[in-house]
Amino acid sequence: LMEGISHEACSLAGTLGLGKLIAFWDDNGISIDGE
């Protein structure tokens, strides 16, 4: 989600109404550097 490409792609996915695309965000609040 931090990578800019996710903004580009997910914006277009919404515009195209991709109803059979289902994403799961692992919201754990942790990356390699910490919280």
Full PDB file with SEQRES, HELIX, SHEET, SSBOND, CRYST1, ORIGX, SCALE, CONECT and MASTER records, all heavy atoms in Angstrom:
SEQRES   1 A   35  LEU MET GLU GLY ILE SER HIS GLU ALA CYS SER LEU ALA          
SEQRES   2 A   35  GLY THR LEU GLY LEU GLY LYS LEU ILE ALA PHE TRP ASP          
SEQRES   3 A   35  ASP ASN GLY ILE SER ILE ASP GLY GLU                          
HELIX    1 AA1 GLY A    4  THR A   15  1                                  12    
CRYST1    1.000    1.000    1.000  90.00  90.00  90.00 P 1           1          
ORIGX1      1.000000  0.000000  0.000000        0.00000                         
ORIGX2      0.000000  1.000000  0.000000        0.00000                         
ORIGX3      0.000000  0.000000  1.000000        0.00000                         
SCALE1      1.000000  0.000000  0.000000        0.00000                         
SCALE2      0.000000  1.000000  0.000000        0.00000                         
SCALE3      0.000000  0.000000  1.000000        0.00000                         
ATOM      1  N   LEU A   1       0.810  -1.210   0.000  1.00  0.00           N  
ATOM      2  CA  LEU A   1       0.000   0.000   0.000  1.00  0.00           C  
ATOM      3  C   LEU A   1       0.847   1.265   0.000  1.00  0.00           C  
ATOM      4  O   LEU A   1       0.409   2.311  -0.481  1.00  0.00           O  
ATOM      5  CB  LEU A   1      -0.934   0.008   1.212  1.00  0.00           C  
ATOM      6  CG  LEU A   1      -2.012  -1.078   1.206  1.00  0.00           C  
ATOM      7  CD1 LEU A   1      -2.776  -1.073   2.517  1.00  0.00           C  
ATOM      8  CD2 LEU A   1      -2.967  -0.868   0.035  1.00  0.00           C  
ATOM      9  N   MET A   2       2.053   1.196   0.538  1.00  0.00           N  
ATOM     10  CA  MET A   2       2.939   2.358   0.509  1.00  0.00           C  
ATOM     11  C   MET A   2       3.536   2.572  -0.872  1.00  0.00           C  
ATOM     12  O   MET A   2       3.818   3.707  -1.261  1.00  0.00           O  
ATOM     13  CB  MET A   2       4.052   2.198   1.551  1.00  0.00           C  
ATOM     14  CG  MET A   2       3.607   2.475   2.976  1.00  0.00           C  
ATOM     15  SD  MET A   2       4.988   2.434   4.149  1.00  0.00           S  
ATOM     16  CE  MET A   2       4.769   0.815   4.864  1.00  0.00           C  
ATOM     17  N   GLU A   3       3.762   1.497  -1.612  1.00  0.00           N  
ATOM     18  CA  GLU A   3       4.314   1.634  -2.956  1.00  0.00           C  
ATOM     19  C   GLU A   3       3.336   2.401  -3.854  1.00  0.00           C  
ATOM     20  O   GLU A   3       2.145   2.105  -3.886  1.00  0.00           O  
ATOM     21  CB  GLU A   3       4.594   0.255  -3.560  1.00  0.00           C  
ATOM     22  CG  GLU A   3       5.719  -0.518  -2.895  1.00  0.00           C  
ATOM     23  CD  GLU A   3       7.103   0.020  -3.239  1.00  0.00           C  
ATOM     24  OE1 GLU A   3       7.206   1.019  -3.997  1.00  0.00           O  
ATOM     25  OE2 GLU A   3       8.089  -0.562  -2.754  1.00  0.00           O  
ATOM     26  N   GLY A   4       3.872   3.335  -4.618  1.00  0.00           N  
ATOM     27  CA  GLY A   4       3.014   4.189  -5.444  1.00  0.00           C  
ATOM     28  C   GLY A   4       2.215   3.441  -6.483  1.00  0.00           C  
ATOM     29  O   GLY A   4       1.113   3.863  -6.856  1.00  0.00           O  
ATOM     30  N   ILE A   5       2.744   2.299  -6.962  1.00  0.00           N  
ATOM     31  CA  ILE A   5       2.037   1.547  -7.989  1.00  0.00           C  
ATOM     32  C   ILE A   5       0.663   1.088  -7.514  1.00  0.00           C  
ATOM     33  O   ILE A   5      -0.274   0.970  -8.309  1.00  0.00           O  
ATOM     34  CB  ILE A   5       2.885   0.343  -8.463  1.00  0.00           C  
ATOM     35  CG1 ILE A   5       2.268  -0.302  -9.705  1.00  0.00           C  
ATOM     36  CG2 ILE A   5       3.084  -0.673  -7.348  1.00  0.00           C  
ATOM     37  CD1 ILE A   5       3.128  -1.386 -10.325  1.00  0.00           C  
ATOM     38  N   SER A   6       0.516   0.871  -6.193  1.00  0.00           N  
ATOM     39  CA  SER A   6      -0.783   0.431  -5.684  1.00  0.00           C  
ATOM     40  C   SER A   6      -1.834   1.516  -5.868  1.00  0.00           C  
ATOM     41  O   SER A   6      -3.013   1.215  -6.122  1.00  0.00           O  
ATOM     42  CB  SER A   6      -0.683   0.022  -4.213  1.00  0.00           C  
ATOM     43  OG  SER A   6      -0.505   1.146  -3.363  1.00  0.00           O  
ATOM     44  N   HIS A   7      -1.434   2.774  -5.755  1.00  0.00           N  
ATOM     45  CA  HIS A   7      -2.378   3.877  -5.980  1.00  0.00           C  
ATOM     46  C   HIS A   7      -2.840   3.876  -7.434  1.00  0.00           C  
ATOM     47  O   HIS A   7      -4.032   3.985  -7.729  1.00  0.00           O  
ATOM     48  CB  HIS A   7      -1.716   5.210  -5.640  1.00  0.00           C  
ATOM     49  CG  HIS A   7      -1.328   5.360  -4.203  1.00  0.00           C  
ATOM     50  ND1 HIS A   7      -2.120   6.021  -3.280  1.00  0.00           N  
ATOM     51  CD2 HIS A   7      -0.246   4.955  -3.522  1.00  0.00           C  
ATOM     52  CE1 HIS A   7      -1.528   6.002  -2.095  1.00  0.00           C  
ATOM     53  NE2 HIS A   7      -0.389   5.363  -2.222  1.00  0.00           N  
ATOM     54  N   GLU A   8      -1.876   3.756  -8.356  1.00  0.00           N  
ATOM     55  CA  GLU A   8      -2.205   3.768  -9.782  1.00  0.00           C  
ATOM     56  C   GLU A   8      -3.173   2.637 -10.127  1.00  0.00           C  
ATOM     57  O   GLU A   8      -4.201   2.844 -10.775  1.00  0.00           O  
ATOM     58  CB  GLU A   8      -0.933   3.621 -10.612  1.00  0.00           C  
ATOM     59  CG  GLU A   8       0.082   4.744 -10.458  1.00  0.00           C  
ATOM     60  CD  GLU A   8       1.318   4.503 -11.327  1.00  0.00           C  
ATOM     61  OE1 GLU A   8       1.202   3.805 -12.353  1.00  0.00           O  
ATOM     62  OE2 GLU A   8       2.398   5.013 -10.980  1.00  0.00           O  
ATOM     63  N   ALA A   9      -2.826   1.426  -9.705  1.00  0.00           N  
ATOM     64  CA  ALA A   9      -3.584   0.245 -10.106  1.00  0.00           C  
ATOM     65  C   ALA A   9      -4.970   0.202  -9.455  1.00  0.00           C  
ATOM     66  O   ALA A   9      -5.968  -0.113 -10.114  1.00  0.00           O  
ATOM     67  CB  ALA A   9      -2.810  -1.018  -9.759  1.00  0.00           C  
ATOM     68  N   CYS A  10      -5.023   0.502  -8.162  1.00  0.00           N  
ATOM     69  CA  CYS A  10      -6.304   0.377  -7.451  1.00  0.00           C  
ATOM     70  C   CYS A  10      -7.269   1.487  -7.843  1.00  0.00           C  
ATOM     71  O   CYS A  10      -8.485   1.293  -7.832  1.00  0.00           O  
ATOM     72  CB  CYS A  10      -6.059   0.348  -5.949  1.00  0.00           C  
ATOM     73  SG  CYS A  10      -5.140  -1.129  -5.425  1.00  0.00           S  
ATOM     74  N   SER A  11      -6.744   2.633  -8.213  1.00  0.00           N  
ATOM     75  CA  SER A  11      -7.587   3.699  -8.752  1.00  0.00           C  
ATOM     76  C   SER A  11      -8.259   3.244 -10.039  1.00  0.00           C  
ATOM     77  O   SER A  11      -9.469   3.410 -10.225  1.00  0.00           O  
ATOM     78  CB  SER A  11      -6.732   4.951  -9.003  1.00  0.00           C  
ATOM     79  OG  SER A  11      -7.424   5.895  -9.792  1.00  0.00           O  
ATOM     80  N   LEU A  12      -7.487   2.646 -10.940  1.00  0.00           N  
ATOM     81  CA  LEU A  12      -8.052   2.177 -12.206  1.00  0.00           C  
ATOM     82  C   LEU A  12      -9.021   1.022 -11.977  1.00  0.00           C  
ATOM     83  O   LEU A  12     -10.063   0.938 -12.637  1.00  0.00           O  
ATOM     84  CB  LEU A  12      -6.919   1.742 -13.147  1.00  0.00           C  
ATOM     85  CG  LEU A  12      -7.341   1.334 -14.561  1.00  0.00           C  
ATOM     86  CD1 LEU A  12      -8.050   2.481 -15.279  1.00  0.00           C  
ATOM     87  CD2 LEU A  12      -6.137   0.862 -15.370  1.00  0.00           C  
ATOM     88  N   ALA A  13      -8.715   0.139 -11.015  1.00  0.00           N  
ATOM     89  CA  ALA A  13      -9.605  -0.986 -10.715  1.00  0.00           C  
ATOM     90  C   ALA A  13     -10.984  -0.502 -10.289  1.00  0.00           C  
ATOM     91  O   ALA A  13     -12.010  -1.077 -10.670  1.00  0.00           O  
ATOM     92  CB  ALA A  13      -8.994  -1.866  -9.633  1.00  0.00           C  
ATOM     93  N   GLY A  14     -11.013   0.564  -9.483  1.00  0.00           N  
ATOM     94  CA  GLY A  14     -12.293   1.119  -9.074  1.00  0.00           C  
ATOM     95  C   GLY A  14     -13.051   1.712 -10.247  1.00  0.00           C  
ATOM     96  O   GLY A  14     -14.263   1.520 -10.388  1.00  0.00           O  
ATOM     97  N   THR A  15     -12.341   2.431 -11.110  1.00  0.00           N  
ATOM     98  CA  THR A  15     -12.968   3.048 -12.283  1.00  0.00           C  
ATOM     99  C   THR A  15     -13.567   1.997 -13.205  1.00  0.00           C  
ATOM    100  O   THR A  15     -14.644   2.206 -13.783  1.00  0.00           O  
ATOM    101  CB  THR A  15     -11.929   3.887 -13.052  1.00  0.00           C  
ATOM    102  OG1 THR A  15     -11.474   4.943 -12.211  1.00  0.00           O  
ATOM    103  CG2 THR A  15     -12.511   4.476 -14.327  1.00  0.00           C  
ATOM    104  N   LEU A  16     -12.893   0.862 -13.337  1.00  0.00           N  
ATOM    105  CA  LEU A  16     -13.366  -0.192 -14.237  1.00  0.00           C  
ATOM    106  C   LEU A  16     -14.396  -1.118 -13.593  1.00  0.00           C  
ATOM    107  O   LEU A  16     -14.899  -2.028 -14.243  1.00  0.00           O  
ATOM    108  CB  LEU A  16     -12.172  -1.017 -14.739  1.00  0.00           C  
ATOM    109  CG  LEU A  16     -11.204  -0.276 -15.661  1.00  0.00           C  
ATOM    110  CD1 LEU A  16     -10.010  -1.165 -16.003  1.00  0.00           C  
ATOM    111  CD2 LEU A  16     -11.892   0.204 -16.928  1.00  0.00           C  
ATOM    112  N   GLY A  17     -14.691  -0.901 -12.312  1.00  0.00           N  
ATOM    113  CA  GLY A  17     -15.733  -1.684 -11.646  1.00  0.00           C  
ATOM    114  C   GLY A  17     -15.457  -3.172 -11.625  1.00  0.00           C  
ATOM    115  O   GLY A  17     -16.319  -3.989 -11.970  1.00  0.00           O  
ATOM    116  N   LEU A  18     -14.249  -3.538 -11.182  1.00  0.00           N  
ATOM    117  CA  LEU A  18     -13.844  -4.952 -11.204  1.00  0.00           C  
ATOM    118  C   LEU A  18     -14.456  -5.706 -10.021  1.00  0.00           C  
ATOM    119  O   LEU A  18     -13.814  -5.973  -9.006  1.00  0.00           O  
ATOM    120  CB  LEU A  18     -12.319  -5.065 -11.190  1.00  0.00           C  
ATOM    121  CG  LEU A  18     -11.595  -4.365 -12.346  1.00  0.00           C  
ATOM    122  CD1 LEU A  18     -10.085  -4.528 -12.213  1.00  0.00           C  
ATOM    123  CD2 LEU A  18     -12.081  -4.888 -13.691  1.00  0.00           C  
ATOM    124  N   GLY A  19     -15.700  -6.092 -10.162  1.00  0.00           N  
ATOM    125  CA  GLY A  19     -16.451  -6.696  -9.068  1.00  0.00           C  
ATOM    126  C   GLY A  19     -15.953  -8.062  -8.636  1.00  0.00           C  
ATOM    127  O   GLY A  19     -16.336  -8.536  -7.562  1.00  0.00           O  
ATOM    128  N   LYS A  20     -15.118  -8.707  -9.447  1.00  0.00           N  
ATOM    129  CA  LYS A  20     -14.600 -10.026  -9.073  1.00  0.00           C  
ATOM    130  C   LYS A  20     -13.160  -9.960  -8.576  1.00  0.00           C  
ATOM    131  O   LYS A  20     -12.468 -10.989  -8.529  1.00  0.00           O  
ATOM    132  CB  LYS A  20     -14.717 -10.993 -10.253  1.00  0.00           C  
ATOM    133  CG  LYS A  20     -16.165 -11.398 -10.525  1.00  0.00           C  
ATOM    134  CD  LYS A  20     -16.240 -12.459 -11.596  1.00  0.00           C  
ATOM    135  CE  LYS A  20     -17.676 -12.924 -11.790  1.00  0.00           C  
ATOM    136  NZ  LYS A  20     -17.770 -13.920 -12.882  1.00  0.00           N  
ATOM    137  N   LEU A  21     -12.731  -8.775  -8.187  1.00  0.00           N  
ATOM    138  CA  LEU A  21     -11.424  -8.601  -7.558  1.00  0.00           C  
ATOM    139  C   LEU A  21     -11.637  -8.374  -6.067  1.00  0.00           C  
ATOM    140  O   LEU A  21     -12.336  -7.434  -5.667  1.00  0.00           O  
ATOM    141  CB  LEU A  21     -10.693  -7.404  -8.175  1.00  0.00           C  
ATOM    142  CG  LEU A  21      -9.380  -6.992  -7.509  1.00  0.00           C  
ATOM    143  CD1 LEU A  21      -8.332  -8.099  -7.605  1.00  0.00           C  
ATOM    144  CD2 LEU A  21      -8.848  -5.696  -8.131  1.00  0.00           C  
ATOM    145  N   ILE A  22     -11.054  -9.243  -5.243  1.00  0.00           N  
ATOM    146  CA  ILE A  22     -11.213  -9.145  -3.785  1.00  0.00           C  
ATOM    147  C   ILE A  22      -9.822  -9.144  -3.157  1.00  0.00           C  
ATOM    148  O   ILE A  22      -9.054 -10.093  -3.320  1.00  0.00           O  
ATOM    149  CB  ILE A  22     -12.063 -10.299  -3.234  1.00  0.00           C  
ATOM    150  CG1 ILE A  22     -13.456 -10.285  -3.890  1.00  0.00           C  
ATOM    151  CG2 ILE A  22     -12.186 -10.199  -1.712  1.00  0.00           C  
ATOM    152  CD1 ILE A  22     -14.346 -11.453  -3.475  1.00  0.00           C  
ATOM    153  N   ALA A  23      -9.512  -8.055  -2.433  1.00  0.00           N  
ATOM    154  CA  ALA A  23      -8.196  -7.894  -1.812  1.00  0.00           C  
ATOM    155  C   ALA A  23      -8.318  -7.986  -0.298  1.00  0.00           C  
ATOM    156  O   ALA A  23      -9.334  -7.583   0.284  1.00  0.00           O  
ATOM    157  CB  ALA A  23      -7.589  -6.548  -2.209  1.00  0.00           C  
ATOM    158  N   PHE A  24      -7.273  -8.514   0.328  1.00  0.00           N  
ATOM    159  CA  PHE A  24      -7.219  -8.654   1.783  1.00  0.00           C  
ATOM    160  C   PHE A  24      -5.983  -7.917   2.280  1.00  0.00           C  
ATOM    161  O   PHE A  24      -4.849  -8.300   1.970  1.00  0.00           O  
ATOM    162  CB  PHE A  24      -7.114 -10.128   2.191  1.00  0.00           C  
ATOM    163  CG  PHE A  24      -8.270 -10.980   1.757  1.00  0.00           C  
ATOM    164  CD1 PHE A  24      -8.368 -11.433   0.448  1.00  0.00           C  
ATOM    165  CD2 PHE A  24      -9.254 -11.360   2.659  1.00  0.00           C  
ATOM    166  CE1 PHE A  24      -9.420 -12.233   0.031  1.00  0.00           C  
ATOM    167  CE2 PHE A  24     -10.316 -12.165   2.262  1.00  0.00           C  
ATOM    168  CZ  PHE A  24     -10.401 -12.597   0.943  1.00  0.00           C  
ATOM    169  N   TRP A  25      -6.189  -6.854   3.052  1.00  0.00           N  
ATOM    170  CA  TRP A  25      -5.085  -6.088   3.603  1.00  0.00           C  
ATOM    171  C   TRP A  25      -4.706  -6.649   4.968  1.00  0.00           C  
ATOM    172  O   TRP A  25      -5.519  -6.697   5.882  1.00  0.00           O  
ATOM    173  CB  TRP A  25      -5.479  -4.619   3.711  1.00  0.00           C  
ATOM    174  CG  TRP A  25      -4.537  -3.765   4.509  1.00  0.00           C  
ATOM    175  CD1 TRP A  25      -3.177  -3.863   4.592  1.00  0.00           C  
ATOM    176  CD2 TRP A  25      -4.906  -2.651   5.344  1.00  0.00           C  
ATOM    177  NE1 TRP A  25      -2.661  -2.884   5.423  1.00  0.00           N  
ATOM    178  CE2 TRP A  25      -3.701  -2.134   5.892  1.00  0.00           C  
ATOM    179  CE3 TRP A  25      -6.116  -2.047   5.668  1.00  0.00           C  
ATOM    180  CZ2 TRP A  25      -3.699  -1.036   6.765  1.00  0.00           C  
ATOM    181  CZ3 TRP A  25      -6.113  -0.955   6.519  1.00  0.00           C  
ATOM    182  CH2 TRP A  25      -4.903  -0.457   7.059  1.00  0.00           C  
ATOM    183  N   ASP A  26      -3.458  -7.074   5.086  1.00  0.00           N  
ATOM    184  CA  ASP A  26      -2.913  -7.571   6.353  1.00  0.00           C  
ATOM    185  C   ASP A  26      -2.518  -6.366   7.205  1.00  0.00           C  
ATOM    186  O   ASP A  26      -1.379  -5.912   7.186  1.00  0.00           O  
ATOM    187  CB  ASP A  26      -1.701  -8.461   6.063  1.00  0.00           C  
ATOM    188  CG  ASP A  26      -1.094  -9.062   7.324  1.00  0.00           C  
ATOM    189  OD1 ASP A  26      -1.825  -9.200   8.319  1.00  0.00           O  
ATOM    190  OD2 ASP A  26       0.112  -9.395   7.297  1.00  0.00           O  
ATOM    191  N   ASP A  27      -3.470  -5.862   7.946  1.00  0.00           N  
ATOM    192  CA  ASP A  27      -3.279  -4.645   8.745  1.00  0.00           C  
ATOM    193  C   ASP A  27      -2.675  -5.013  10.093  1.00  0.00           C  
ATOM    194  O   ASP A  27      -3.363  -5.117  11.105  1.00  0.00           O  
ATOM    195  CB  ASP A  27      -4.640  -3.942   8.914  1.00  0.00           C  
ATOM    196  CG  ASP A  27      -4.549  -2.680   9.751  1.00  0.00           C  
ATOM    197  OD1 ASP A  27      -3.435  -2.173   9.956  1.00  0.00           O  
ATOM    198  OD2 ASP A  27      -5.613  -2.197  10.210  1.00  0.00           O  
ATOM    199  N   ASN A  28      -1.346  -5.231  10.095  1.00  0.00           N  
ATOM    200  CA  ASN A  28      -0.689  -5.619  11.348  1.00  0.00           C  
ATOM    201  C   ASN A  28       0.171  -4.522  11.953  1.00  0.00           C  
ATOM    202  O   ASN A  28       0.733  -4.693  13.031  1.00  0.00           O  
ATOM    203  CB  ASN A  28       0.139  -6.901  11.146  1.00  0.00           C  
ATOM    204  CG  ASN A  28       1.255  -6.732  10.119  1.00  0.00           C  
ATOM    205  OD1 ASN A  28       1.907  -5.699  10.052  1.00  0.00           O  
ATOM    206  ND2 ASN A  28       1.487  -7.760   9.322  1.00  0.00           N  
ATOM    207  N   GLY A  29       0.296  -3.386  11.257  1.00  0.00           N  
ATOM    208  CA  GLY A  29       0.987  -2.232  11.819  1.00  0.00           C  
ATOM    209  C   GLY A  29       2.492  -2.359  11.939  1.00  0.00           C  
ATOM    210  O   GLY A  29       3.130  -1.537  12.597  1.00  0.00           O  
ATOM    211  N   ILE A  30       3.080  -3.395  11.306  1.00  0.00           N  
ATOM    212  CA  ILE A  30       4.507  -3.654  11.465  1.00  0.00           C  
ATOM    213  C   ILE A  30       5.179  -3.792  10.097  1.00  0.00           C  
ATOM    214  O   ILE A  30       4.641  -4.450   9.190  1.00  0.00           O  
ATOM    215  CB  ILE A  30       4.754  -4.947  12.269  1.00  0.00           C  
ATOM    216  CG1 ILE A  30       4.186  -4.817  13.687  1.00  0.00           C  
ATOM    217  CG2 ILE A  30       6.229  -5.306  12.312  1.00  0.00           C  
ATOM    218  CD1 ILE A  30       4.914  -3.814  14.570  1.00  0.00           C  
ATOM    219  N   SER A  31       6.339  -3.182   9.946  1.00  0.00           N  
ATOM    220  CA  SER A  31       7.204  -3.473   8.803  1.00  0.00           C  
ATOM    221  C   SER A  31       8.614  -3.749   9.343  1.00  0.00           C  
ATOM    222  O   SER A  31       8.812  -3.796  10.552  1.00  0.00           O  
ATOM    223  CB  SER A  31       7.195  -2.325   7.785  1.00  0.00           C  
ATOM    224  OG  SER A  31       7.777  -1.159   8.308  1.00  0.00           O  
ATOM    225  N   ILE A  32       9.569  -3.926   8.461  1.00  0.00           N  
ATOM    226  CA  ILE A  32      10.895  -4.337   8.911  1.00  0.00           C  
ATOM    227  C   ILE A  32      11.490  -3.357   9.914  1.00  0.00           C  
ATOM    228  O   ILE A  32      12.127  -3.754  10.900  1.00  0.00           O  
ATOM    229  CB  ILE A  32      11.834  -4.514   7.706  1.00  0.00           C  
ATOM    230  CG1 ILE A  32      11.416  -5.758   6.907  1.00  0.00           C  
ATOM    231  CG2 ILE A  32      13.292  -4.685   8.165  1.00  0.00           C  
ATOM    232  CD1 ILE A  32      12.236  -5.987   5.660  1.00  0.00           C  
ATOM    233  N   ASP A  33      11.254  -2.059   9.686  1.00  0.00           N  
ATOM    234  CA  ASP A  33      11.851  -1.049  10.562  1.00  0.00           C  
ATOM    235  C   ASP A  33      11.132  -0.887  11.890  1.00  0.00           C  
ATOM    236  O   ASP A  33      11.626  -0.196  12.781  1.00  0.00           O  
ATOM    237  CB  ASP A  33      11.891   0.306   9.848  1.00  0.00           C  
ATOM    238  CG  ASP A  33      13.037   0.407   8.854  1.00  0.00           C  
ATOM    239  OD1 ASP A  33      13.805  -0.562   8.749  1.00  0.00           O  
ATOM    240  OD2 ASP A  33      13.152   1.451   8.177  1.00  0.00           O  
ATOM    241  N   GLY A  34       9.959  -1.489  12.038  1.00  0.00           N  
ATOM    242  CA  GLY A  34       9.224  -1.391  13.298  1.00  0.00           C  
ATOM    243  C   GLY A  34       7.766  -1.043  13.081  1.00  0.00           C  
ATOM    244  O   GLY A  34       7.164  -1.424  12.074  1.00  0.00           O  
ATOM    245  N   GLU A  35       7.186  -0.295  14.020  1.00  0.00           N  
ATOM    246  CA  GLU A  35       5.770   0.068  13.934  1.00  0.00           C  
ATOM    247  C   GLU A  35       5.583   1.141  12.863  1.00  0.00           C  
ATOM    248  O   GLU A  35       6.230   2.193  12.899  1.00  0.00           O  
ATOM    249  CB  GLU A  35       5.278   0.558  15.301  1.00  0.00           C  
ATOM    250  CG  GLU A  35       5.338  -0.519  16.375  1.00  0.00           C  
ATOM    251  CD  GLU A  35       4.819  -0.045  17.729  1.00  0.00           C  
ATOM    252  OE1 GLU A  35       4.264   1.072  17.783  1.00  0.00           O  
ATOM    253  OE2 GLU A  35       4.959  -0.793  18.712  1.00  0.00           O  
TER     254      GLU A  35                                                      
MASTER        0    0    0    1    0    0    0    6  253    1    0    3          
END                                                                             
